Amino acid sequence: MLNYFRETQEARFATRARRIYGYVSVGFVVAVGVLVIAGLAPVWTSWTILGVSCVLDAFLTRKWIREDALRAYRSDRAG
């Protein structure tokens, strides 16, 4: 399990674009939360955005792990 957590963290921060995506994603969720707390958006919006964000993050992280593993395997085989 610890190996999985390490791989997911490495995959999320492997490139600059992935780090930027992570920060933008968190910022968006926090912004919607602030709007809900301020009363400018309905509560269901917050839960929907949070759920979509979690599903998208899980999908992208698994995709990135597979890509990184395949890239590492191919570089080991080539060299």
PDB file of N, CA and C in Angstrom:
ATOM      1  N   MET A   1       0.818  -1.187   0.000  1.00  0.00           N
ATOM      2  CA  MET A   1       0.000   0.000   0.000  1.00  0.00           C
ATOM      3  C   MET A   1       0.868   1.260   0.000  1.00  0.00           C
ATOM      4  N   LEU A   2       1.928   1.246   0.753  1.00  0.00           N
ATOM      5  CA  LEU A   2       2.820   2.397   0.776  1.00  0.00           C
ATOM      6  C   LEU A   2       3.462   2.630  -0.585  1.00  0.00           C
ATOM      7  N   ASN A   3       3.753   1.529  -1.284  1.00  0.00           N
ATOM      8  CA  ASN A   3       4.317   1.645  -2.623  1.00  0.00           C
ATOM      9  C   ASN A   3       3.328   2.331  -3.567  1.00  0.00           C
ATOM     10  N   TYR A   4       2.048   1.995  -3.434  1.00  0.00           N
ATOM     11  CA  TYR A   4       1.017   2.627  -4.265  1.00  0.00           C
ATOM     12  C   TYR A   4       0.941   4.127  -3.979  1.00  0.00           C
ATOM     13  N   PHE A   5       0.961   4.501  -2.705  1.00  0.00           N
ATOM     14  CA  PHE A   5       0.922   5.923  -2.355  1.00  0.00           C
ATOM     15  C   PHE A   5       2.130   6.662  -2.912  1.00  0.00           C
ATOM     16  N   ARG A   6       3.294   6.040  -2.846  1.00  0.00           N
ATOM     17  CA  ARG A   6       4.503   6.665  -3.383  1.00  0.00           C
ATOM     18  C   ARG A   6       4.386   6.846  -4.888  1.00  0.00           C
ATOM     19  N   GLU A   7       3.905   5.818  -5.585  1.00  0.00           N
ATOM     20  CA  GLU A   7       3.750   5.910  -7.035  1.00  0.00           C
ATOM     21  C   GLU A   7       2.750   6.990  -7.439  1.00  0.00           C
ATOM     22  N   THR A   8       1.648   7.095  -6.706  1.00  0.00           N
ATOM     23  CA  THR A   8       0.666   8.110  -7.055  1.00  0.00           C
ATOM     24  C   THR A   8       1.222   9.515  -6.820  1.00  0.00           C
ATOM     25  N   GLN A   9       1.956   9.700  -5.742  1.00  0.00           N
ATOM     26  CA  GLN A   9       2.535  11.012  -5.481  1.00  0.00           C
ATOM     27  C   GLN A   9       3.589  11.359  -6.532  1.00  0.00           C
ATOM     28  N   GLU A  10       4.412  10.397  -6.900  1.00  0.00           N
ATOM     29  CA  GLU A  10       5.415  10.644  -7.939  1.00  0.00           C
ATOM     30  C   GLU A  10       4.747  10.964  -9.275  1.00  0.00           C
ATOM     31  N   ALA A  11       3.667  10.257  -9.603  1.00  0.00           N
ATOM     32  CA  ALA A  11       2.972  10.490 -10.871  1.00  0.00           C
ATOM     33  C   ALA A  11       2.331  11.870 -10.902  1.00  0.00           C
ATOM     34  N   ARG A  12       1.780  12.308  -9.775  1.00  0.00           N
ATOM     35  CA  ARG A  12       1.119  13.614  -9.734  1.00  0.00           C
ATOM     36  C   ARG A  12       2.087  14.773  -9.861  1.00  0.00           C
ATOM     37  N   PHE A  13       3.317  14.589  -9.434  1.00  0.00           N
ATOM     38  CA  PHE A  13       4.288  15.688  -9.441  1.00  0.00           C
ATOM     39  C   PHE A  13       5.442  15.451 -10.407  1.00  0.00           C
ATOM     40  N   ALA A  14       5.275  14.538 -11.357  1.00  0.00           N
ATOM     41  CA  ALA A  14       6.368  14.175 -12.255  1.00  0.00           C
ATOM     42  C   ALA A  14       6.704  15.284 -13.250  1.00  0.00           C
ATOM     43  N   THR A  15       5.710  16.012 -13.697  1.00  0.00           N
ATOM     44  CA  THR A  15       5.964  17.068 -14.676  1.00  0.00           C
ATOM     45  C   THR A  15       5.360  18.379 -14.186  1.00  0.00           C
ATOM     46  N   ARG A  16       5.795  19.449 -14.789  1.00  0.00           N
ATOM     47  CA  ARG A  16       5.294  20.776 -14.415  1.00  0.00           C
ATOM     48  C   ARG A  16       3.802  20.892 -14.722  1.00  0.00           C
ATOM     49  N   ALA A  17       3.366  20.355 -15.854  1.00  0.00           N
ATOM     50  CA  ALA A  17       1.960  20.434 -16.238  1.00  0.00           C
ATOM     51  C   ALA A  17       1.072  19.685 -15.240  1.00  0.00           C
ATOM     52  N   ARG A  18       1.538  18.561 -14.737  1.00  0.00           N
ATOM     53  CA  ARG A  18       0.760  17.805 -13.752  1.00  0.00           C
ATOM     54  C   ARG A  18       0.658  18.564 -12.434  1.00  0.00           C
ATOM     55  N   ARG A  19       1.735  19.222 -12.032  1.00  0.00           N
ATOM     56  CA  ARG A  19       1.699  20.024 -10.805  1.00  0.00           C
ATOM     57  C   ARG A  19       0.734  21.196 -10.960  1.00  0.00           C
ATOM     58  N   ILE A  20       0.780  21.857 -12.111  1.00  0.00           N
ATOM     59  CA  ILE A  20      -0.123  22.975 -12.361  1.00  0.00           C
ATOM     60  C   ILE A  20      -1.569  22.495 -12.329  1.00  0.00           C
ATOM     61  N   TYR A  21      -1.849  21.342 -12.949  1.00  0.00           N
ATOM     62  CA  TYR A  21      -3.200  20.784 -12.917  1.00  0.00           C
ATOM     63  C   TYR A  21      -3.655  20.566 -11.470  1.00  0.00           C
ATOM     64  N   GLY A  22      -2.784  20.037 -10.646  1.00  0.00           N
ATOM     65  CA  GLY A  22      -3.132  19.785  -9.248  1.00  0.00           C
ATOM     66  C   GLY A  22      -3.474  21.057  -8.502  1.00  0.00           C
ATOM     67  N   TYR A  23      -2.674  22.085  -8.692  1.00  0.00           N
ATOM     68  CA  TYR A  23      -2.930  23.354  -8.009  1.00  0.00           C
ATOM     69  C   TYR A  23      -4.214  24.009  -8.508  1.00  0.00           C
ATOM     70  N   VAL A  24      -4.450  23.965  -9.805  1.00  0.00           N
ATOM     71  CA  VAL A  24      -5.678  24.545 -10.368  1.00  0.00           C
ATOM     72  C   VAL A  24      -6.900  23.773  -9.873  1.00  0.00           C
ATOM     73  N   SER A  25      -6.797  22.466  -9.819  1.00  0.00           N
ATOM     74  CA  SER A  25      -7.905  21.639  -9.347  1.00  0.00           C
ATOM     75  C   SER A  25      -8.256  21.969  -7.897  1.00  0.00           C
ATOM     76  N   VAL A  26      -7.254  22.037  -7.047  1.00  0.00           N
ATOM     77  CA  VAL A  26      -7.495  22.381  -5.642  1.00  0.00           C
ATOM     78  C   VAL A  26      -8.052  23.793  -5.522  1.00  0.00           C
ATOM     79  N   GLY A  27      -7.500  24.708  -6.281  1.00  0.00           N
ATOM     80  CA  GLY A  27      -7.986  26.085  -6.242  1.00  0.00           C
ATOM     81  C   GLY A  27      -9.441  26.199  -6.647  1.00  0.00           C
ATOM     82  N   PHE A  28      -9.831  25.442  -7.656  1.00  0.00           N
ATOM     83  CA  PHE A  28     -11.212  25.473  -8.125  1.00  0.00           C
ATOM     84  C   PHE A  28     -12.161  24.931  -7.062  1.00  0.00           C
ATOM     85  N   VAL A  29     -11.790  23.816  -6.441  1.00  0.00           N
ATOM     86  CA  VAL A  29     -12.630  23.232  -5.393  1.00  0.00           C
ATOM     87  C   VAL A  29     -12.754  24.190  -4.212  1.00  0.00           C
ATOM     88  N   VAL A  30     -11.652  24.811  -3.819  1.00  0.00           N
ATOM     89  CA  VAL A  30     -11.682  25.766  -2.704  1.00  0.00           C
ATOM     90  C   VAL A  30     -12.535  26.981  -3.070  1.00  0.00           C
ATOM     91  N   ALA A  31     -12.411  27.468  -4.295  1.00  0.00           N
ATOM     92  CA  ALA A  31     -13.200  28.628  -4.728  1.00  0.00           C
ATOM     93  C   ALA A  31     -14.699  28.316  -4.677  1.00  0.00           C
ATOM     94  N   VAL A  32     -15.083  27.144  -5.138  1.00  0.00           N
ATOM     95  CA  VAL A  32     -16.502  26.769  -5.079  1.00  0.00           C
ATOM     96  C   VAL A  32     -16.946  26.643  -3.624  1.00  0.00           C
ATOM     97  N   GLY A  33     -16.092  26.087  -2.781  1.00  0.00           N
ATOM     98  CA  GLY A  33     -16.423  25.996  -1.359  1.00  0.00           C
ATOM     99  C   GLY A  33     -16.635  27.358  -0.727  1.00  0.00           C
ATOM    100  N   VAL A  34     -15.805  28.309  -1.078  1.00  0.00           N
ATOM    101  CA  VAL A  34     -15.954  29.676  -0.561  1.00  0.00           C
ATOM    102  C   VAL A  34     -17.261  30.284  -1.050  1.00  0.00           C
ATOM    103  N   LEU A  35     -17.603  30.065  -2.309  1.00  0.00           N
ATOM    104  CA  LEU A  35     -18.870  30.577  -2.833  1.00  0.00           C
ATOM    105  C   LEU A  35     -20.065  29.980  -2.096  1.00  0.00           C
ATOM    106  N   VAL A  36     -19.973  28.693  -1.771  1.00  0.00           N
ATOM    107  CA  VAL A  36     -21.066  28.048  -1.034  1.00  0.00           C
ATOM    108  C   VAL A  36     -21.165  28.620   0.376  1.00  0.00           C
ATOM    109  N   ILE A  37     -20.033  28.782   1.036  1.00  0.00           N
ATOM    110  CA  ILE A  37     -20.039  29.332   2.394  1.00  0.00           C
ATOM    111  C   ILE A  37     -20.564  30.768   2.396  1.00  0.00           C
ATOM    112  N   ALA A  38     -20.238  31.531   1.363  1.00  0.00           N
ATOM    113  CA  ALA A  38     -20.710  32.907   1.258  1.00  0.00           C
ATOM    114  C   ALA A  38     -22.186  32.988   0.875  1.00  0.00           C
ATOM    115  N   GLY A  39     -22.765  31.868   0.493  1.00  0.00           N
ATOM    116  CA  GLY A  39     -24.174  31.852   0.128  1.00  0.00           C
ATOM    117  C   GLY A  39     -24.446  32.223  -1.309  1.00  0.00           C
ATOM    118  N   LEU A  40     -23.421  32.254  -2.134  1.00  0.00           N
ATOM    119  CA  LEU A  40     -23.587  32.630  -3.536  1.00  0.00           C
ATOM    120  C   LEU A  40     -23.821  31.438  -4.462  1.00  0.00           C
ATOM    121  N   ALA A  41     -23.696  30.222  -3.918  1.00  0.00           N
ATOM    122  CA  ALA A  41     -23.911  29.017  -4.721  1.00  0.00           C
ATOM    123  C   ALA A  41     -24.614  27.978  -3.847  1.00  0.00           C
ATOM    124  N   PRO A  42     -25.448  27.120  -4.442  1.00  0.00           N
ATOM    125  CA  PRO A  42     -26.123  26.084  -3.648  1.00  0.00           C
ATOM    126  C   PRO A  42     -25.140  25.017  -3.163  1.00  0.00           C
ATOM    127  N   VAL A  43     -25.481  24.362  -2.079  1.00  0.00           N
ATOM    128  CA  VAL A  43     -24.602  23.363  -1.460  1.00  0.00           C
ATOM    129  C   VAL A  43     -24.357  22.184  -2.407  1.00  0.00           C
ATOM    130  N   TRP A  44     -25.363  21.794  -3.169  1.00  0.00           N
ATOM    131  CA  TRP A  44     -25.182  20.642  -4.049  1.00  0.00           C
ATOM    132  C   TRP A  44     -24.077  20.894  -5.073  1.00  0.00           C
ATOM    133  N   THR A  45     -23.847  22.162  -5.415  1.00  0.00           N
ATOM    134  CA  THR A  45     -22.778  22.502  -6.359  1.00  0.00           C
ATOM    135  C   THR A  45     -21.424  22.097  -5.790  1.00  0.00           C
ATOM    136  N   SER A  46     -21.240  22.355  -4.514  1.00  0.00           N
ATOM    137  CA  SER A  46     -19.979  22.014  -3.863  1.00  0.00           C
ATOM    138  C   SER A  46     -19.742  20.503  -3.885  1.00  0.00           C
ATOM    139  N   TRP A  47     -20.768  19.743  -3.525  1.00  0.00           N
ATOM    140  CA  TRP A  47     -20.613  18.286  -3.513  1.00  0.00           C
ATOM    141  C   TRP A  47     -20.390  17.731  -4.921  1.00  0.00           C
ATOM    142  N   THR A  48     -21.064  18.300  -5.896  1.00  0.00           N
ATOM    143  CA  THR A  48     -20.891  17.844  -7.277  1.00  0.00           C
ATOM    144  C   THR A  48     -19.476  18.123  -7.770  1.00  0.00           C
ATOM    145  N   ILE A  49     -18.990  19.335  -7.534  1.00  0.00           N
ATOM    146  CA  ILE A  49     -17.632  19.698  -7.966  1.00  0.00           C
ATOM    147  C   ILE A  49     -16.600  18.828  -7.259  1.00  0.00           C
ATOM    148  N   LEU A  50     -16.784  18.597  -5.965  1.00  0.00           N
ATOM    149  CA  LEU A  50     -15.849  17.758  -5.218  1.00  0.00           C
ATOM    150  C   LEU A  50     -15.833  16.329  -5.764  1.00  0.00           C
ATOM    151  N   GLY A  51     -17.004  15.778  -6.041  1.00  0.00           N
ATOM    152  CA  GLY A  51     -17.083  14.421  -6.590  1.00  0.00           C
ATOM    153  C   GLY A  51     -16.449  14.305  -7.964  1.00  0.00           C
ATOM    154  N   VAL A  52     -16.748  15.258  -8.825  1.00  0.00           N
ATOM    155  CA  VAL A  52     -16.169  15.247 -10.173  1.00  0.00           C
ATOM    156  C   VAL A  52     -14.652  15.394 -10.094  1.00  0.00           C
ATOM    157  N   SER A  53     -14.187  16.256  -9.214  1.00  0.00           N
ATOM    158  CA  SER A  53     -12.752  16.460  -9.054  1.00  0.00           C
ATOM    159  C   SER A  53     -12.060  15.184  -8.587  1.00  0.00           C
ATOM    160  N   CYS A  54     -12.655  14.491  -7.631  1.00  0.00           N
ATOM    161  CA  CYS A  54     -12.062  13.247  -7.125  1.00  0.00           C
ATOM    162  C   CYS A  54     -12.009  12.173  -8.204  1.00  0.00           C
ATOM    163  N   VAL A  55     -13.088  12.024  -8.955  1.00  0.00           N
ATOM    164  CA  VAL A  55     -13.127  11.015 -10.020  1.00  0.00           C
ATOM    165  C   VAL A  55     -12.113  11.350 -11.112  1.00  0.00           C
ATOM    166  N   LEU A  56     -12.050  12.613 -11.514  1.00  0.00           N
ATOM    167  CA  LEU A  56     -11.106  13.020 -12.547  1.00  0.00           C
ATOM    168  C   LEU A  56      -9.667  12.842 -12.079  1.00  0.00           C
ATOM    169  N   ASP A  57      -9.383  13.207 -10.840  1.00  0.00           N
ATOM    170  CA  ASP A  57      -8.036  13.032 -10.308  1.00  0.00           C
ATOM    171  C   ASP A  57      -7.634  11.557 -10.262  1.00  0.00           C
ATOM    172  N   ALA A  58      -8.547  10.694  -9.833  1.00  0.00           N
ATOM    173  CA  ALA A  58      -8.248   9.258  -9.779  1.00  0.00           C
ATOM    174  C   ALA A  58      -7.983   8.713 -11.185  1.00  0.00           C
ATOM    175  N   PHE A  59      -8.821   9.104 -12.142  1.00  0.00           N
ATOM    176  CA  PHE A  59      -8.644   8.644 -13.519  1.00  0.00           C
ATOM    177  C   PHE A  59      -7.305   9.102 -14.088  1.00  0.00           C
ATOM    178  N   LEU A  60      -7.010  10.396 -13.935  1.00  0.00           N
ATOM    179  CA  LEU A  60      -5.761  10.922 -14.490  1.00  0.00           C
ATOM    180  C   LEU A  60      -4.533  10.346 -13.794  1.00  0.00           C
ATOM    181  N   THR A  61      -4.598  10.169 -12.485  1.00  0.00           N
ATOM    182  CA  THR A  61      -3.452   9.621 -11.763  1.00  0.00           C
ATOM    183  C   THR A  61      -3.163   8.199 -12.209  1.00  0.00           C
ATOM    184  N   ARG A  62      -4.176   7.385 -12.355  1.00  0.00           N
ATOM    185  CA  ARG A  62      -3.955   6.007 -12.835  1.00  0.00           C
ATOM    186  C   ARG A  62      -3.404   6.000 -14.256  1.00  0.00           C
ATOM    187  N   LYS A  63      -3.893   6.906 -15.089  1.00  0.00           N
ATOM    188  CA  LYS A  63      -3.379   7.013 -16.458  1.00  0.00           C
ATOM    189  C   LYS A  63      -1.906   7.401 -16.439  1.00  0.00           C
ATOM    190  N   TRP A  64      -1.554   8.383 -15.597  1.00  0.00           N
ATOM    191  CA  TRP A  64      -0.171   8.833 -15.508  1.00  0.00           C
ATOM    192  C   TRP A  64       0.739   7.737 -14.965  1.00  0.00           C
ATOM    193  N   ILE A  65       0.260   6.945 -14.003  1.00  0.00           N
ATOM    194  CA  ILE A  65       1.069   5.849 -13.465  1.00  0.00           C
ATOM    195  C   ILE A  65       1.376   4.844 -14.563  1.00  0.00           C
ATOM    196  N   ARG A  66       0.362   4.492 -15.347  1.00  0.00           N
ATOM    197  CA  ARG A  66       0.581   3.541 -16.456  1.00  0.00           C
ATOM    198  C   ARG A  66       1.562   4.107 -17.471  1.00  0.00           C
ATOM    199  N   GLU A  67       1.394   5.375 -17.846  1.00  0.00           N
ATOM    200  CA  GLU A  67       2.304   5.992 -18.813  1.00  0.00           C
ATOM    201  C   GLU A  67       3.737   6.014 -18.295  1.00  0.00           C
ATOM    202  N   ASP A  68       3.906   6.392 -17.037  1.00  0.00           N
ATOM    203  CA  ASP A  68       5.247   6.463 -16.455  1.00  0.00           C
ATOM    204  C   ASP A  68       5.882   5.078 -16.358  1.00  0.00           C
ATOM    205  N   ALA A  69       5.091   4.083 -15.974  1.00  0.00           N
ATOM    206  CA  ALA A  69       5.617   2.719 -15.876  1.00  0.00           C
ATOM    207  C   ALA A  69       6.022   2.198 -17.254  1.00  0.00           C
ATOM    208  N   LEU A  70       5.197   2.466 -18.261  1.00  0.00           N
ATOM    209  CA  LEU A  70       5.521   2.024 -19.616  1.00  0.00           C
ATOM    210  C   LEU A  70       6.765   2.729 -20.134  1.00  0.00           C
ATOM    211  N   ARG A  71       6.875   4.024 -19.863  1.00  0.00           N
ATOM    212  CA  ARG A  71       8.051   4.781 -20.279  1.00  0.00           C
ATOM    213  C   ARG A  71       9.315   4.234 -19.591  1.00  0.00           C
ATOM    214  N   ALA A  72       9.234   3.934 -18.314  1.00  0.00           N
ATOM    215  CA  ALA A  72      10.382   3.385 -17.580  1.00  0.00           C
ATOM    216  C   ALA A  72      10.753   2.007 -18.108  1.00  0.00           C
ATOM    217  N   TYR A  73       9.755   1.202 -18.405  1.00  0.00           N
ATOM    218  CA  TYR A  73      10.020  -0.136 -18.943  1.00  0.00           C
ATOM    219  C   TYR A  73      10.706  -0.055 -20.301  1.00  0.00           C
ATOM    220  N   ARG A  74      10.218   0.825 -21.156  1.00  0.00           N
ATOM    221  CA  ARG A  74      10.811   0.963 -22.480  1.00  0.00           C
ATOM    222  C   ARG A  74      12.221   1.521 -22.411  1.00  0.00           C
ATOM    223  N   SER A  75      12.483   2.436 -21.494  1.00  0.00           N
ATOM    224  CA  SER A  75      13.838   2.983 -21.381  1.00  0.00           C
ATOM    225  C   SER A  75      14.801   1.937 -20.829  1.00  0.00           C
ATOM    226  N   ASP A  76      14.324   1.065 -19.944  1.00  0.00           N
ATOM    227  CA  ASP A  76      15.174  -0.028 -19.435  1.00  0.00           C
ATOM    228  C   ASP A  76      15.477  -1.043 -20.523  1.00  0.00           C
ATOM    229  N   ARG A  77      14.505  -1.326 -21.365  1.00  0.00           N
ATOM    230  CA  ARG A  77      14.689  -2.299 -22.441  1.00  0.00           C
ATOM    231  C   ARG A  77      15.597  -1.747 -23.538  1.00  0.00           C
ATOM    232  N   ALA A  78      15.528  -0.450 -23.790  1.00  0.00           N
ATOM    233  CA  ALA A  78      16.321   0.164 -24.847  1.00  0.00           C
ATOM    234  C   ALA A  78      17.783   0.302 -24.456  1.00  0.00           C
ATOM    235  N   GLY A  79      18.016   0.567 -23.189  1.00  0.00           N
ATOM    236  CA  GLY A  79      19.379   0.869 -22.749  1.00  0.00           C
ATOM    237  C   GLY A  79      20.020  -0.273 -22.120  1.00  0.00           C
TER     238      GLY A  79
END
